[in-house]
Amino acid sequence: MKSLWVTPVFGIMTCLFMIPQASAKWFVGKDLYTVAHQRLLEGNTAASFETMVQAWQQLPSEEQQANLNDLLELAITEDCGFSLKQRSLPEWLSKVAVRREVIQNLNQVLLRLSVTGITQAKQLEVTFSRWPDTQFSMPAASISENGQFVSESRRLDEPLAAGLYQLKITAGKERSWNSWVILTKPDPKQKIGWKDSKNWRIEREVLPNSTCPSPVLSMNLFDLNDTNWSPIWTQDVDGKLPTSLPAIDVPDGRYWLSVGLIESRWQGDISILDIQRITRPVDYPDF
């Protein structure tokens, strides 16, 4: 396990993680929080994650929730979350992603949850719920010819909070798969916003997680007369992120522009995406 770097925001946990791995045996407590700490220090990240799941199932206090959230954030710094869980996807599911999205247009904020991926099945039912009893309304997945699927919830009233969730995907009567998902605390800071009608700003993280992929900027242009809302132009960029549209070849007219900042991590073989998106109508060739 890589050495763990901890900032002061981890509060009382800081002293725990300053101790070398070889000294992890000094733990004498047997509560789940202590065990999760110990297993992480010993390099057993998957076992630490399973203990975190058990701790969330006990409906922790606000202080305990904050501690669990900090512990998960720290565990992700090892390898961006690949070690949090052993591979678990069945053969008929080759990719699964949980997408937590905040969309800001000029006069409102929309909150979305979606589950996407690639499947060999012809139909899928998706359920996503927060422990112990809050279930989100997820429609039957829409599946394209190449097997890509998406199931998007109705508009959410509030952001998905940190905590324990269960994801279940069913393909007919005989094929079913489920997994626990722990989400970290949603970022309260909006990192992308409009500067004017043609340009946007992106706030950089001072110390990004170097084990995770660089943020991706997803740009999409839509024809306002297309009720299917299929983009007529799209481009994803990582590395040096642009703050304005590149030169593109589209007819003169009025369009809908969507620009999203995508940050990703893993929970074993499940991709967890946090997306901040801004949208607005634009006129071409003015932009």
Protein backbone atom coordinates (compact mmCIF):
# COMPACT_ATOMS: atom_id res chain seq x y z
CA MET A 1 0.00 0.00 0.00
CA LYS A 2 1.24 3.45 -0.84
CA SER A 3 2.08 5.87 1.95
CA LEU A 4 -0.97 7.89 2.97
CA TRP A 5 -0.94 11.68 2.99
CA VAL A 6 -3.41 13.38 5.30
CA THR A 7 -4.42 17.04 5.55
CA PRO A 8 -5.71 18.68 8.74
CA VAL A 9 -9.30 18.27 7.53
CA PHE A 10 -9.23 14.71 8.75
CA GLY A 11 -9.30 16.02 12.34
CA ILE A 12 -8.97 13.33 14.92
CA MET A 13 -8.03 10.79 12.24
CA THR A 14 -4.75 12.54 11.48
CA CYS A 15 -2.85 11.04 14.38
CA LEU A 16 -4.02 7.56 13.40
CA PHE A 17 -2.67 7.78 9.87
CA MET A 18 0.66 9.28 10.87
CA ILE A 19 1.56 5.90 12.34
CA PRO A 20 3.54 3.50 10.09
CA GLN A 21 1.79 0.42 8.76
CA ALA A 22 3.95 -1.82 10.90
CA SER A 23 2.46 -0.22 14.01
CA ALA A 24 -1.17 -0.86 13.04
CA LYS A 25 -1.35 -3.68 15.60
CA TRP A 26 -1.44 -1.15 18.43
CA PHE A 27 -5.23 -0.91 17.88
CA VAL A 28 -6.99 -2.49 20.85
CA GLY A 29 -10.60 -1.43 20.19
CA LYS A 30 -12.94 -3.79 18.37
CA ASP A 31 -15.64 -1.38 17.19
CA LEU A 32 -16.18 -1.15 13.43
CA TYR A 33 -14.56 2.28 13.09
CA THR A 34 -11.36 1.10 14.74
CA VAL A 35 -11.31 -2.08 12.66
CA ALA A 36 -11.83 -0.10 9.43
CA HIS A 37 -8.92 2.20 10.37
CA GLN A 38 -6.68 -0.73 11.22
CA ARG A 39 -7.40 -2.68 8.05
CA LEU A 40 -6.71 0.36 5.90
CA LEU A 41 -3.37 0.95 7.63
CA GLU A 42 -2.46 -2.69 7.12
CA GLY A 43 -3.07 -2.33 3.38
CA ASN A 44 -6.23 -4.45 3.31
CA THR A 45 -8.34 -1.84 1.55
CA ALA A 46 -11.10 -4.21 0.41
CA ALA A 47 -11.62 -5.50 3.96
CA SER A 48 -11.61 -1.92 5.26
CA PHE A 49 -14.33 -1.06 2.74
CA GLU A 50 -16.48 -4.00 3.85
CA THR A 51 -16.13 -2.82 7.45
CA MET A 52 -17.21 0.68 6.39
CA VAL A 53 -20.33 -0.86 4.86
CA GLN A 54 -21.11 -2.56 8.18
CA ALA A 55 -20.55 0.71 10.04
CA TRP A 56 -22.96 2.59 7.75
CA GLN A 57 -25.54 -0.15 8.30
CA GLN A 58 -25.55 0.71 12.00
CA LEU A 59 -26.91 4.22 11.23
CA PRO A 60 -23.88 6.19 12.54
CA SER A 61 -24.09 9.55 14.26
CA GLU A 62 -23.14 12.74 12.40
CA GLU A 63 -19.64 12.62 13.90
CA GLN A 64 -19.25 8.96 12.94
CA GLN A 65 -20.54 9.71 9.42
CA ALA A 66 -17.93 12.44 9.02
CA ASN A 67 -15.25 10.03 10.20
CA LEU A 68 -16.38 7.37 7.73
CA ASN A 69 -16.46 9.89 4.91
CA ASP A 70 -12.90 11.01 5.71
CA LEU A 71 -11.75 7.40 5.91
CA LEU A 72 -13.21 6.61 2.47
CA GLU A 73 -11.63 9.72 0.98
CA LEU A 74 -8.29 8.56 2.36
CA ALA A 75 -8.73 5.00 1.07
CA ILE A 76 -9.37 6.34 -2.44
CA THR A 77 -5.96 8.01 -2.50
CA GLU A 78 -4.27 4.59 -2.67
CA ASP A 79 -5.30 3.73 -6.25
CA CYS A 80 -8.41 5.82 -6.96
CA GLY A 81 -10.67 3.16 -5.43
CA PHE A 82 -9.73 0.08 -7.49
CA SER A 83 -8.83 -1.76 -4.28
CA LEU A 84 -12.05 -0.86 -2.46
CA LYS A 85 -13.79 -3.96 -3.72
CA GLN A 86 -12.94 -7.18 -5.52
CA ARG A 87 -14.22 -7.50 -9.09
CA SER A 88 -17.90 -8.33 -8.98
CA LEU A 89 -19.52 -7.64 -12.36
CA PRO A 90 -21.21 -10.64 -14.01
CA GLU A 91 -20.38 -11.66 -17.58
CA TRP A 92 -23.47 -9.91 -18.95
CA LEU A 93 -22.38 -6.55 -17.48
CA SER A 94 -19.01 -5.32 -18.74
CA LYS A 95 -19.24 -1.75 -17.37
CA VAL A 96 -21.30 0.01 -14.70
CA ALA A 97 -21.15 3.66 -13.64
CA VAL A 98 -23.06 5.66 -11.03
CA ARG A 99 -23.35 9.30 -12.09
CA ARG A 100 -24.18 12.09 -9.62
CA GLU A 101 -24.88 15.27 -11.58
CA VAL A 102 -25.56 18.96 -10.84
CA ILE A 103 -26.84 20.96 -13.84
CA GLN A 104 -26.99 24.75 -13.73
CA ASN A 105 -28.80 26.63 -16.44
CA LEU A 106 -29.54 30.33 -16.41
CA ASN A 107 -32.47 30.21 -13.98
CA GLN A 108 -32.47 26.88 -12.13
CA VAL A 109 -30.40 24.01 -10.77
CA LEU A 110 -31.24 20.42 -11.67
CA LEU A 111 -30.00 17.39 -9.72
CA ARG A 112 -29.77 14.02 -11.41
CA LEU A 113 -28.82 10.44 -10.66
CA SER A 114 -28.16 7.97 -13.45
CA VAL A 115 -26.74 4.48 -13.82
CA THR A 116 -25.01 3.68 -17.10
CA GLY A 117 -22.90 0.89 -18.55
CA ILE A 118 -22.57 -1.81 -21.19
CA THR A 119 -24.59 -5.02 -21.21
CA GLN A 120 -25.28 -8.11 -23.30
CA ALA A 121 -28.88 -8.21 -22.06
CA LYS A 122 -31.84 -6.99 -24.09
CA GLN A 123 -33.64 -5.45 -21.14
CA LEU A 124 -32.57 -4.24 -17.70
CA GLU A 125 -34.30 -3.11 -14.53
CA VAL A 126 -32.25 -0.82 -12.27
CA THR A 127 -32.92 -0.01 -8.62
CA PHE A 128 -30.86 2.36 -6.50
CA SER A 129 -31.62 2.98 -2.84
CA ARG A 130 -30.07 4.62 0.19
CA TRP A 131 -29.74 2.53 3.30
CA PRO A 132 -31.96 1.73 5.04
CA ASP A 133 -35.17 2.53 3.15
CA THR A 134 -34.96 5.42 0.64
CA GLN A 135 -35.45 4.16 -2.91
CA PHE A 136 -35.04 6.37 -5.97
CA SER A 137 -37.41 6.07 -8.89
CA MET A 138 -35.39 4.55 -11.76
CA PRO A 139 -37.05 3.70 -15.09
CA ALA A 140 -36.23 0.62 -17.12
CA ALA A 141 -32.85 1.10 -18.76
CA SER A 142 -32.68 2.35 -22.33
CA ILE A 143 -30.29 0.08 -24.28
CA SER A 144 -28.68 1.02 -27.60
CA GLU A 145 -27.74 -1.42 -30.35
CA ASN A 146 -24.13 -1.58 -29.14
CA GLY A 147 -25.22 -2.52 -25.61
CA GLN A 148 -24.76 0.84 -23.91
CA PHE A 149 -27.51 1.43 -21.36
CA VAL A 150 -28.72 4.29 -19.19
CA SER A 151 -31.34 4.58 -16.47
CA GLU A 152 -31.91 8.10 -15.17
CA SER A 153 -33.94 8.97 -12.09
CA ARG A 154 -36.55 11.66 -11.88
CA ARG A 155 -35.32 15.08 -10.83
CA LEU A 156 -33.90 14.94 -7.30
CA ASP A 157 -34.92 17.38 -4.57
CA GLU A 158 -31.45 17.46 -3.00
CA PRO A 159 -27.93 16.22 -3.82
CA LEU A 160 -27.08 12.61 -3.08
CA ALA A 161 -25.49 12.78 0.35
CA ALA A 162 -22.53 10.79 1.62
CA GLY A 163 -23.59 7.39 2.78
CA LEU A 164 -24.41 3.79 1.98
CA TYR A 165 -26.43 2.89 -1.11
CA GLN A 166 -27.41 -0.34 -2.80
CA LEU A 167 -27.39 -0.80 -6.57
CA LYS A 168 -29.27 -3.70 -8.14
CA ILE A 169 -29.47 -4.53 -11.85
CA THR A 170 -31.75 -7.30 -13.09
CA ALA A 171 -31.94 -8.85 -16.57
CA GLY A 172 -34.97 -11.13 -16.64
CA LYS A 173 -35.83 -13.69 -14.00
CA GLU A 174 -32.55 -15.57 -13.80
CA ARG A 175 -29.89 -12.84 -13.96
CA SER A 176 -29.52 -10.37 -11.12
CA TRP A 177 -26.53 -8.49 -9.70
CA ASN A 178 -26.26 -6.10 -6.76
CA SER A 179 -23.56 -4.20 -4.92
CA TRP A 180 -23.14 -1.83 -2.02
CA VAL A 181 -21.99 1.64 -3.03
CA ILE A 182 -20.57 4.21 -0.61
CA LEU A 183 -20.70 7.78 -1.86
CA THR A 184 -18.45 10.49 -0.47
CA LYS A 185 -19.75 13.91 0.56
CA PRO A 186 -20.82 15.91 -2.52
CA ASP A 187 -18.57 18.83 -3.37
CA PRO A 188 -20.32 22.00 -2.12
CA LYS A 189 -18.19 24.18 -4.39
CA GLN A 190 -19.24 24.86 -7.98
CA LYS A 191 -16.02 24.52 -9.98
CA ILE A 192 -17.37 25.56 -13.37
CA GLY A 193 -19.47 28.61 -14.29
CA TRP A 194 -20.18 31.10 -17.06
CA LYS A 195 -17.96 34.16 -17.47
CA ASP A 196 -20.12 35.50 -20.29
CA SER A 197 -22.21 34.11 -23.14
CA LYS A 198 -19.12 32.72 -24.92
CA ASN A 199 -16.70 31.68 -22.17
CA TRP A 200 -16.67 29.80 -18.90
CA ARG A 201 -14.35 29.54 -15.92
CA ILE A 202 -12.93 26.42 -14.29
CA GLU A 203 -11.53 26.46 -10.76
CA ARG A 204 -8.58 24.12 -10.35
CA GLU A 205 -8.06 21.92 -7.34
CA VAL A 206 -4.98 22.91 -5.37
CA LEU A 207 -4.03 19.28 -4.60
CA PRO A 208 -5.95 16.89 -6.88
CA ASN A 209 -5.88 13.15 -6.25
CA SER A 210 -2.94 12.07 -8.39
CA THR A 211 -4.11 8.43 -8.48
CA CYS A 212 -7.35 9.31 -10.27
CA PRO A 213 -7.86 10.33 -13.91
CA SER A 214 -7.64 14.02 -14.70
CA PRO A 215 -11.00 15.81 -14.83
CA VAL A 216 -12.68 15.66 -18.23
CA LEU A 217 -14.51 18.54 -19.90
CA SER A 218 -17.48 17.33 -21.93
CA MET A 219 -18.88 19.82 -24.48
CA ASN A 220 -22.14 19.20 -26.36
CA LEU A 221 -24.10 21.33 -28.79
CA PHE A 222 -27.81 20.64 -29.41
CA ASP A 223 -30.27 21.80 -32.06
CA LEU A 224 -33.14 23.48 -30.21
CA ASN A 225 -35.58 22.09 -32.78
CA ASP A 226 -34.56 18.47 -32.17
CA THR A 227 -36.96 17.02 -29.60
CA ASN A 228 -34.78 13.91 -29.23
CA TRP A 229 -31.99 16.04 -27.77
CA SER A 230 -29.24 14.24 -29.64
CA PRO A 231 -26.08 16.38 -29.81
CA ILE A 232 -25.07 17.60 -33.25
CA TRP A 233 -21.53 18.14 -31.99
CA THR A 234 -19.68 16.74 -29.01
CA GLN A 235 -16.10 16.72 -27.72
CA ASP A 236 -14.45 15.45 -24.53
CA VAL A 237 -11.13 16.94 -23.43
CA ASP A 238 -8.78 16.03 -20.59
CA GLY A 239 -5.45 17.52 -19.61
CA LYS A 240 -5.51 21.24 -20.33
CA LEU A 241 -9.20 22.10 -20.24
CA PRO A 242 -10.52 24.77 -22.63
CA THR A 243 -12.67 27.67 -21.39
CA SER A 244 -14.36 28.43 -24.73
CA LEU A 245 -15.62 26.47 -27.71
CA PRO A 246 -13.17 25.55 -30.44
CA ALA A 247 -13.93 26.43 -34.06
CA ILE A 248 -16.71 24.11 -35.26
CA ASP A 249 -18.61 23.76 -38.50
CA VAL A 250 -22.36 24.15 -37.89
CA PRO A 251 -25.03 26.15 -39.75
CA ASP A 252 -25.96 29.60 -38.50
CA GLY A 253 -28.69 29.44 -35.88
CA ARG A 254 -29.61 29.16 -32.23
CA TYR A 255 -28.35 26.20 -30.21
CA TRP A 256 -28.22 24.80 -26.69
CA LEU A 257 -24.70 24.48 -25.26
CA SER A 258 -23.88 22.07 -22.44
CA VAL A 259 -20.45 22.05 -20.77
CA GLY A 260 -19.74 19.49 -18.05
CA LEU A 261 -16.79 18.99 -15.70
CA ILE A 262 -16.49 15.27 -14.94
CA GLU A 263 -14.48 13.89 -12.00
CA SER A 264 -14.20 10.14 -11.66
CA ARG A 265 -13.05 7.46 -9.26
CA TRP A 266 -13.63 3.74 -8.81
CA GLN A 267 -15.19 1.38 -6.34
CA GLY A 268 -13.63 -1.84 -7.53
CA ASP A 269 -14.99 -2.21 -11.07
CA ILE A 270 -17.82 0.32 -10.59
CA SER A 271 -17.10 3.82 -11.87
CA ILE A 272 -18.32 6.71 -9.71
CA LEU A 273 -18.74 10.00 -11.58
CA ASP A 274 -19.40 13.45 -10.11
CA ILE A 275 -20.47 15.89 -12.81
CA GLN A 276 -20.99 19.65 -12.64
CA ARG A 277 -22.67 20.90 -15.82
CA ILE A 278 -23.61 24.36 -17.06
CA THR A 279 -26.01 24.98 -19.94
CA ARG A 280 -27.36 27.95 -21.89
CA PRO A 281 -28.75 28.91 -25.31
CA VAL A 282 -26.15 30.33 -27.75
CA ASP A 283 -26.23 31.86 -31.21
CA TYR A 284 -23.89 30.85 -34.01
CA PRO A 285 -21.77 32.47 -35.41
CA ASP A 286 -21.69 34.72 -32.31
CA PHE A 287 -19.88 32.18 -30.12
